[in-house]
Amino acid sequence: MYRILIVEDEKDIRLELKLMLENALYQAEAAEDFSDIPRLVDETAPDLILLDIQLPGTDGLKVCRDIRKKTDVPIIFVTSRSNSMDELNGMMMGGDDYITKPYQAPILLARIAAVLKRTGHNKAPENPCRFTWKGCELDMLQGTLTYEGRSEQLTRNELRICCNLFSRAGQIISREELIDDLWENQIFIDDNTLSVNITRIRGKLKEIGLENLIVTRRGQGYQL
């Protein structure tokens, strides 16, 4: 299992990344002290680092440069700074990739797998868009839900909704977030259509032997 070190100072994003990686079957470590990241890299020996640029008391670009003095571990910048000069500086300091927030979980996972493969880590997952929660597997490439050998095919809308829920399993995802994600991906959907799709997903989960995997949090949204 690959170990990924998360260097992100915003707690909510750090926890979201950790859950997403663990659900994708990576081992995730999250830094909470940013005073000596190169030392932490030595101690944890990660296979890849997700590195923010804006860190308390330091700068992710400098951290990347300091890490590069000791190791060639792959580094992906995950940051809200989106101008081309920041991306260029990140690459010049030794970064292997650069992705801006807000990110889509499948895209980030695909970029992680691509960097691991490109940098010589040949055991990177063949399918980086696979999530597992309580024995149920969501395969983004096949568009299926599988549990104990039984599978159900998902529609495009259902797949996008499941991607949000599985990539952030354990967290409450608001109805507004789900609708916004589908709208951004050019799938027309309204509030009633979302309810219909959730009902259909629950029906498919029941068909493969799972009930109550998706919980409604009244006034808040849905949660795995």
C-alpha atoms as a PDB file:
ATOM      1  CA  MET A   1       0.000   0.000   0.000  1.00  0.00           C
ATOM      2  CA  TYR A   2       1.382   3.385  -0.978  1.00  0.00           C
ATOM      3  CA  ARG A   3       1.915   6.016   1.705  1.00  0.00           C
ATOM      4  CA  ILE A   4       1.008   9.602   0.833  1.00  0.00           C
ATOM      5  CA  LEU A   5       1.977  12.558   3.020  1.00  0.00           C
ATOM      6  CA  ILE A   6      -0.487  15.455   3.103  1.00  0.00           C
ATOM      7  CA  VAL A   7       1.002  18.880   3.848  1.00  0.00           C
ATOM      8  CA  GLU A   8      -2.065  21.114   4.127  1.00  0.00           C
ATOM      9  CA  ASP A   9      -2.727  23.629   6.912  1.00  0.00           C
ATOM     10  CA  GLU A  10      -6.529  23.900   6.532  1.00  0.00           C
ATOM     11  CA  LYS A  11      -7.922  21.205   8.806  1.00  0.00           C
ATOM     12  CA  ASP A  12     -11.122  20.527   6.848  1.00  0.00           C
ATOM     13  CA  ILE A  13      -9.257  20.090   3.560  1.00  0.00           C
ATOM     14  CA  ARG A  14      -6.599  17.965   5.285  1.00  0.00           C
ATOM     15  CA  LEU A  15      -9.233  15.605   6.697  1.00  0.00           C
ATOM     16  CA  GLU A  16     -11.077  15.507   3.370  1.00  0.00           C
ATOM     17  CA  LEU A  17      -7.889  14.538   1.523  1.00  0.00           C
ATOM     18  CA  LYS A  18      -7.048  11.894   4.119  1.00  0.00           C
ATOM     19  CA  LEU A  19     -10.486  10.274   3.858  1.00  0.00           C
ATOM     20  CA  MET A  20     -10.412  10.406   0.065  1.00  0.00           C
ATOM     21  CA  LEU A  21      -7.001   8.727  -0.110  1.00  0.00           C
ATOM     22  CA  GLU A  22      -7.890   6.048   2.443  1.00  0.00           C
ATOM     23  CA  ASN A  23     -11.123   5.278   0.590  1.00  0.00           C
ATOM     24  CA  ALA A  24      -9.005   4.881  -2.563  1.00  0.00           C
ATOM     25  CA  LEU A  25      -6.849   2.334  -0.683  1.00  0.00           C
ATOM     26  CA  TYR A  26      -3.807   4.518  -0.070  1.00  0.00           C
ATOM     27  CA  GLN A  27      -2.195   4.949   3.340  1.00  0.00           C
ATOM     28  CA  ALA A  28      -2.436   8.638   4.240  1.00  0.00           C
ATOM     29  CA  GLU A  29      -0.346  10.622   6.729  1.00  0.00           C
ATOM     30  CA  ALA A  30      -1.212  14.250   7.491  1.00  0.00           C
ATOM     31  CA  ALA A  31       1.274  16.820   8.782  1.00  0.00           C
ATOM     32  CA  GLU A  32       0.040  18.989  11.644  1.00  0.00           C
ATOM     33  CA  ASP A  33       3.356  20.670  12.481  1.00  0.00           C
ATOM     34  CA  PHE A  34       4.847  22.596   9.550  1.00  0.00           C
ATOM     35  CA  SER A  35       8.061  23.768  11.189  1.00  0.00           C
ATOM     36  CA  ASP A  36      10.270  21.040   9.666  1.00  0.00           C
ATOM     37  CA  ILE A  37       8.587  19.214   6.799  1.00  0.00           C
ATOM     38  CA  PRO A  38      11.851  17.767   5.356  1.00  0.00           C
ATOM     39  CA  ARG A  39      12.456  16.026   8.705  1.00  0.00           C
ATOM     40  CA  LEU A  40       8.889  14.683   8.653  1.00  0.00           C
ATOM     41  CA  VAL A  41       9.499  13.344   5.138  1.00  0.00           C
ATOM     42  CA  ASP A  42      12.592  11.517   6.450  1.00  0.00           C
ATOM     43  CA  GLU A  43      10.571  10.013   9.310  1.00  0.00           C
ATOM     44  CA  THR A  44       7.514   8.922   7.326  1.00  0.00           C
ATOM     45  CA  ALA A  45       9.243   7.935   4.043  1.00  0.00           C
ATOM     46  CA  PRO A  46       6.196   8.650   1.857  1.00  0.00           C
ATOM     47  CA  ASP A  47       5.815   7.446  -1.713  1.00  0.00           C
ATOM     48  CA  LEU A  48       4.278  10.790  -2.694  1.00  0.00           C
ATOM     49  CA  ILE A  49       3.607  14.192  -1.124  1.00  0.00           C
ATOM     50  CA  LEU A  50       0.578  16.446  -1.593  1.00  0.00           C
ATOM     51  CA  LEU A  51       1.903  19.927  -0.816  1.00  0.00           C
ATOM     52  CA  ASP A  52       0.087  23.236  -0.361  1.00  0.00           C
ATOM     53  CA  ILE A  53       1.965  26.422  -1.208  1.00  0.00           C
ATOM     54  CA  GLN A  54       0.508  28.661   1.503  1.00  0.00           C
ATOM     55  CA  LEU A  55       1.654  27.235   4.829  1.00  0.00           C
ATOM     56  CA  PRO A  56       1.926  28.855   8.264  1.00  0.00           C
ATOM     57  CA  GLY A  57       5.382  30.294   8.877  1.00  0.00           C
ATOM     58  CA  THR A  58       6.794  28.975   5.602  1.00  0.00           C
ATOM     59  CA  ASP A  59       6.176  28.590   1.895  1.00  0.00           C
ATOM     60  CA  GLY A  60       5.431  25.372   0.037  1.00  0.00           C
ATOM     61  CA  LEU A  61       7.837  26.318  -2.749  1.00  0.00           C
ATOM     62  CA  LYS A  62      10.682  26.612  -0.252  1.00  0.00           C
ATOM     63  CA  VAL A  63       9.605  23.364   1.411  1.00  0.00           C
ATOM     64  CA  CYS A  64       9.702  21.627  -1.971  1.00  0.00           C
ATOM     65  CA  ARG A  65      13.199  22.948  -2.654  1.00  0.00           C
ATOM     66  CA  ASP A  66      14.412  21.773   0.771  1.00  0.00           C
ATOM     67  CA  ILE A  67      12.883  18.306   0.247  1.00  0.00           C
ATOM     68  CA  ARG A  68      14.597  18.070  -3.129  1.00  0.00           C
ATOM     69  CA  LYS A  69      17.979  18.485  -1.445  1.00  0.00           C
ATOM     70  CA  LYS A  70      17.391  15.126   0.270  1.00  0.00           C
ATOM     71  CA  THR A  71      15.056  13.012  -1.862  1.00  0.00           C
ATOM     72  CA  ASP A  72      13.351  12.733  -5.239  1.00  0.00           C
ATOM     73  CA  VAL A  73      10.000  11.634  -3.740  1.00  0.00           C
ATOM     74  CA  PRO A  74       7.175  12.737  -6.084  1.00  0.00           C
ATOM     75  CA  ILE A  75       5.512  16.026  -5.079  1.00  0.00           C
ATOM     76  CA  ILE A  76       2.141  17.285  -6.292  1.00  0.00           C
ATOM     77  CA  PHE A  77       1.188  20.851  -5.382  1.00  0.00           C
ATOM     78  CA  VAL A  78      -2.483  21.103  -4.367  1.00  0.00           C
ATOM     79  CA  THR A  79      -3.186  24.794  -3.887  1.00  0.00           C
ATOM     80  CA  SER A  80      -5.684  27.610  -4.366  1.00  0.00           C
ATOM     81  CA  ARG A  81      -2.999  29.688  -6.088  1.00  0.00           C
ATOM     82  CA  SER A  82      -3.869  29.281  -9.748  1.00  0.00           C
ATOM     83  CA  ASN A  83      -1.762  31.745 -11.727  1.00  0.00           C
ATOM     84  CA  SER A  84       0.699  30.404 -14.288  1.00  0.00           C
ATOM     85  CA  MET A  85       3.749  31.874 -12.525  1.00  0.00           C
ATOM     86  CA  ASP A  86       3.020  29.913  -9.345  1.00  0.00           C
ATOM     87  CA  GLU A  87       2.676  26.733 -11.403  1.00  0.00           C
ATOM     88  CA  LEU A  88       5.935  27.471 -13.240  1.00  0.00           C
ATOM     89  CA  ASN A  89       7.755  28.169  -9.946  1.00  0.00           C
ATOM     90  CA  GLY A  90       6.378  24.931  -8.515  1.00  0.00           C
ATOM     91  CA  MET A  91       7.757  22.921 -11.406  1.00  0.00           C
ATOM     92  CA  MET A  92      11.116  24.735 -11.267  1.00  0.00           C
ATOM     93  CA  MET A  93      11.430  24.002  -7.546  1.00  0.00           C
ATOM     94  CA  GLY A  94      11.063  20.284  -8.260  1.00  0.00           C
ATOM     95  CA  GLY A  95       7.326  19.629  -8.219  1.00  0.00           C
ATOM     96  CA  ASP A  96       6.005  16.789 -10.365  1.00  0.00           C
ATOM     97  CA  ASP A  97       2.489  18.135 -10.895  1.00  0.00           C
ATOM     98  CA  TYR A  98       0.267  21.057  -9.930  1.00  0.00           C
ATOM     99  CA  ILE A  99      -3.492  20.992  -9.317  1.00  0.00           C
ATOM    100  CA  THR A 100      -5.654  23.862  -8.115  1.00  0.00           C
ATOM    101  CA  LYS A 101      -8.458  23.896  -5.578  1.00  0.00           C
ATOM    102  CA  PRO A 102     -11.288  23.173  -5.682  1.00  0.00           C
ATOM    103  CA  TYR A 103     -10.303  19.826  -7.191  1.00  0.00           C
ATOM    104  CA  GLN A 104     -12.432  16.934  -8.396  1.00  0.00           C
ATOM    105  CA  ALA A 105     -11.531  13.772  -6.463  1.00  0.00           C
ATOM    106  CA  PRO A 106     -11.311  11.437  -9.501  1.00  0.00           C
ATOM    107  CA  ILE A 107      -9.032  13.896 -11.307  1.00  0.00           C
ATOM    108  CA  LEU A 108      -6.700  14.264  -8.329  1.00  0.00           C
ATOM    109  CA  LEU A 109      -6.565  10.487  -7.849  1.00  0.00           C
ATOM    110  CA  ALA A 110      -5.817   9.977 -11.544  1.00  0.00           C
ATOM    111  CA  ARG A 111      -3.003  12.553 -11.353  1.00  0.00           C
ATOM    112  CA  ILE A 112      -1.562  10.809  -8.276  1.00  0.00           C
ATOM    113  CA  ALA A 113      -1.551   7.450 -10.058  1.00  0.00           C
ATOM    114  CA  ALA A 114      -0.014   9.026 -13.172  1.00  0.00           C
ATOM    115  CA  VAL A 115       2.811  10.632 -11.173  1.00  0.00           C
ATOM    116  CA  LEU A 116       3.546   7.389  -9.318  1.00  0.00           C
ATOM    117  CA  LYS A 117       3.708   5.529 -12.603  1.00  0.00           C
ATOM    118  CA  ARG A 118       5.783   8.197 -14.359  1.00  0.00           C
ATOM    119  CA  THR A 119       8.309   8.416 -11.535  1.00  0.00           C
ATOM    120  CA  GLY A 120       8.962   4.684 -11.527  1.00  0.00           C
ATOM    121  CA  HIS A 121       6.462   3.427  -8.954  1.00  0.00           C
ATOM    122  CA  ASN A 122       5.147   0.632 -11.123  1.00  0.00           C
ATOM    123  CA  LYS A 123       2.734  -0.680  -8.509  1.00  0.00           C
ATOM    124  CA  ALA A 124       0.486   2.351  -8.748  1.00  0.00           C
ATOM    125  CA  PRO A 125      -3.175   1.280  -8.817  1.00  0.00           C
ATOM    126  CA  GLU A 126      -4.360   0.325 -12.310  1.00  0.00           C
ATOM    127  CA  ASN A 127      -7.703   1.942 -11.545  1.00  0.00           C
ATOM    128  CA  PRO A 128      -7.145   5.141  -9.518  1.00  0.00           C
ATOM    129  CA  CYS A 129     -10.878   5.869  -9.505  1.00  0.00           C
ATOM    130  CA  ARG A 130     -11.975   3.019  -7.269  1.00  0.00           C
ATOM    131  CA  PHE A 131     -13.414   3.666  -3.813  1.00  0.00           C
ATOM    132  CA  THR A 132     -14.337   1.202  -1.075  1.00  0.00           C
ATOM    133  CA  TRP A 133     -16.585   1.840   1.911  1.00  0.00           C
ATOM    134  CA  LYS A 134     -17.919  -0.810   4.304  1.00  0.00           C
ATOM    135  CA  GLY A 135     -17.237  -3.534   1.769  1.00  0.00           C
ATOM    136  CA  CYS A 136     -18.985  -1.750  -1.100  1.00  0.00           C
ATOM    137  CA  GLU A 137     -16.808  -0.807  -4.068  1.00  0.00           C
ATOM    138  CA  LEU A 138     -17.485   2.051  -6.481  1.00  0.00           C
ATOM    139  CA  ASP A 139     -15.573   1.669  -9.739  1.00  0.00           C
ATOM    140  CA  MET A 140     -15.613   4.988 -11.601  1.00  0.00           C
ATOM    141  CA  LEU A 141     -14.179   3.551 -14.812  1.00  0.00           C
ATOM    142  CA  GLN A 142     -16.684   0.690 -15.009  1.00  0.00           C
ATOM    143  CA  GLY A 143     -19.528   2.731 -13.543  1.00  0.00           C
ATOM    144  CA  THR A 144     -20.502   0.008 -11.086  1.00  0.00           C
ATOM    145  CA  LEU A 145     -21.326  -0.602  -7.441  1.00  0.00           C
ATOM    146  CA  THR A 146     -20.168  -4.016  -6.177  1.00  0.00           C
ATOM    147  CA  TYR A 147     -20.780  -5.796  -2.878  1.00  0.00           C
ATOM    148  CA  GLU A 148     -19.933  -9.425  -2.082  1.00  0.00           C
ATOM    149  CA  GLY A 149     -19.684 -10.350  -5.751  1.00  0.00           C
ATOM    150  CA  ARG A 150     -22.916  -8.685  -6.861  1.00  0.00           C
ATOM    151  CA  SER A 151     -22.811  -5.589  -9.075  1.00  0.00           C
ATOM    152  CA  GLU A 152     -25.169  -2.917 -10.342  1.00  0.00           C
ATOM    153  CA  GLN A 153     -24.515  -0.533 -13.249  1.00  0.00           C
ATOM    154  CA  LEU A 154     -24.928   3.191 -12.574  1.00  0.00           C
ATOM    155  CA  THR A 155     -26.258   5.915 -14.856  1.00  0.00           C
ATOM    156  CA  ARG A 156     -24.168   9.024 -15.486  1.00  0.00           C
ATOM    157  CA  ASN A 157     -26.040  11.061 -12.845  1.00  0.00           C
ATOM    158  CA  GLU A 158     -25.883   8.231 -10.303  1.00  0.00           C
ATOM    159  CA  LEU A 159     -22.146   7.826 -10.911  1.00  0.00           C
ATOM    160  CA  ARG A 160     -21.417  11.508 -10.262  1.00  0.00           C
ATOM    161  CA  ILE A 161     -23.472  11.435  -7.055  1.00  0.00           C
ATOM    162  CA  CYS A 162     -21.771   8.244  -5.833  1.00  0.00           C
ATOM    163  CA  CYS A 163     -18.359   9.707  -6.637  1.00  0.00           C
ATOM    164  CA  ASN A 164     -19.049  12.633  -4.314  1.00  0.00           C
ATOM    165  CA  LEU A 165     -20.357  10.395  -1.543  1.00  0.00           C
ATOM    166  CA  PHE A 166     -17.656   7.701  -1.736  1.00  0.00           C
ATOM    167  CA  SER A 167     -14.704  10.078  -2.167  1.00  0.00           C
ATOM    168  CA  ARG A 168     -15.810  11.891   0.997  1.00  0.00           C
ATOM    169  CA  ALA A 169     -17.215   8.912   2.882  1.00  0.00           C
ATOM    170  CA  GLY A 170     -18.059   9.737   6.479  1.00  0.00           C
ATOM    171  CA  GLN A 171     -18.709  13.387   5.691  1.00  0.00           C
ATOM    172  CA  ILE A 172     -22.072  15.058   5.132  1.00  0.00           C
ATOM    173  CA  ILE A 173     -22.469  16.242   1.525  1.00  0.00           C
ATOM    174  CA  SER A 174     -25.123  18.915   1.089  1.00  0.00           C
ATOM    175  CA  ARG A 175     -27.778  18.700  -1.608  1.00  0.00           C
ATOM    176  CA  GLU A 176     -26.487  22.000  -2.977  1.00  0.00           C
ATOM    177  CA  GLU A 177     -22.976  20.571  -3.412  1.00  0.00           C
ATOM    178  CA  LEU A 178     -24.293  17.555  -5.305  1.00  0.00           C
ATOM    179  CA  ILE A 179     -26.468  19.678  -7.589  1.00  0.00           C
ATOM    180  CA  ASP A 180     -23.634  22.155  -8.201  1.00  0.00           C
ATOM    181  CA  ASP A 181     -21.232  19.346  -9.128  1.00  0.00           C
ATOM    182  CA  LEU A 182     -23.672  17.849 -11.607  1.00  0.00           C
ATOM    183  CA  TRP A 183     -24.428  21.282 -13.085  1.00  0.00           C
ATOM    184  CA  GLU A 184     -20.702  22.052 -13.493  1.00  0.00           C
ATOM    185  CA  ASN A 185     -20.347  18.774 -15.356  1.00  0.00           C
ATOM    186  CA  GLN A 186     -23.139  19.917 -17.715  1.00  0.00           C
ATOM    187  CA  ILE A 187     -25.749  17.497 -16.396  1.00  0.00           C
ATOM    188  CA  PHE A 188     -29.041  19.324 -15.894  1.00  0.00           C
ATOM    189  CA  ILE A 189     -30.521  18.418 -12.527  1.00  0.00           C
ATOM    190  CA  ASP A 190     -32.911  20.055 -10.087  1.00  0.00           C
ATOM    191  CA  ASP A 191     -33.724  19.370  -6.437  1.00  0.00           C
ATOM    192  CA  ASN A 192     -36.467  16.835  -7.206  1.00  0.00           C
ATOM    193  CA  THR A 193     -34.280  15.031  -9.754  1.00  0.00           C
ATOM    194  CA  LEU A 194     -31.569  14.651  -7.103  1.00  0.00           C
ATOM    195  CA  SER A 195     -34.077  12.963  -4.760  1.00  0.00           C
ATOM    196  CA  VAL A 196     -35.115  10.582  -7.552  1.00  0.00           C
ATOM    197  CA  ASN A 197     -31.476   9.672  -8.272  1.00  0.00           C
ATOM    198  CA  ILE A 198     -30.711   9.074  -4.585  1.00  0.00           C
ATOM    199  CA  THR A 199     -33.762   6.769  -4.395  1.00  0.00           C
ATOM    200  CA  ARG A 200     -32.546   4.847  -7.446  1.00  0.00           C
ATOM    201  CA  ILE A 201     -29.037   4.479  -6.013  1.00  0.00           C
ATOM    202  CA  ARG A 202     -30.515   3.158  -2.767  1.00  0.00           C
ATOM    203  CA  GLY A 203     -32.570   0.695  -4.796  1.00  0.00           C
ATOM    204  CA  LYS A 204     -29.457  -0.574  -6.566  1.00  0.00           C
ATOM    205  CA  LEU A 205     -27.613  -0.867  -3.249  1.00  0.00           C
ATOM    206  CA  LYS A 206     -30.516  -2.936  -1.918  1.00  0.00           C
ATOM    207  CA  GLU A 207     -30.295  -5.201  -4.976  1.00  0.00           C
ATOM    208  CA  ILE A 208     -26.675  -6.060  -4.143  1.00  0.00           C
ATOM    209  CA  GLY A 209     -27.440  -6.646  -0.475  1.00  0.00           C
ATOM    210  CA  LEU A 210     -26.866  -3.249   1.122  1.00  0.00           C
ATOM    211  CA  GLU A 211     -29.455  -1.089   2.853  1.00  0.00           C
ATOM    212  CA  ASN A 212     -29.002   2.183   4.723  1.00  0.00           C
ATOM    213  CA  LEU A 213     -25.535   2.818   3.282  1.00  0.00           C
ATOM    214  CA  ILE A 214     -26.657   6.315   2.277  1.00  0.00           C
ATOM    215  CA  VAL A 215     -28.066   8.190   5.265  1.00  0.00           C
ATOM    216  CA  THR A 216     -30.204  11.324   4.957  1.00  0.00           C
ATOM    217  CA  ARG A 217     -29.171  14.065   7.358  1.00  0.00           C
ATOM    218  CA  ARG A 218     -32.288  16.210   7.593  1.00  0.00           C
ATOM    219  CA  GLY A 219     -31.586  19.802   6.669  1.00  0.00           C
ATOM    220  CA  GLN A 220     -27.937  19.003   5.915  1.00  0.00           C
ATOM    221  CA  GLY A 221     -27.641  16.488   3.075  1.00  0.00           C
ATOM    222  CA  TYR A 222     -26.447  12.908   2.662  1.00  0.00           C
ATOM    223  CA  GLN A 223     -23.705  10.816   4.248  1.00  0.00           C
ATOM    224  CA  LEU A 224     -22.159   7.394   3.765  1.00  0.00           C
END
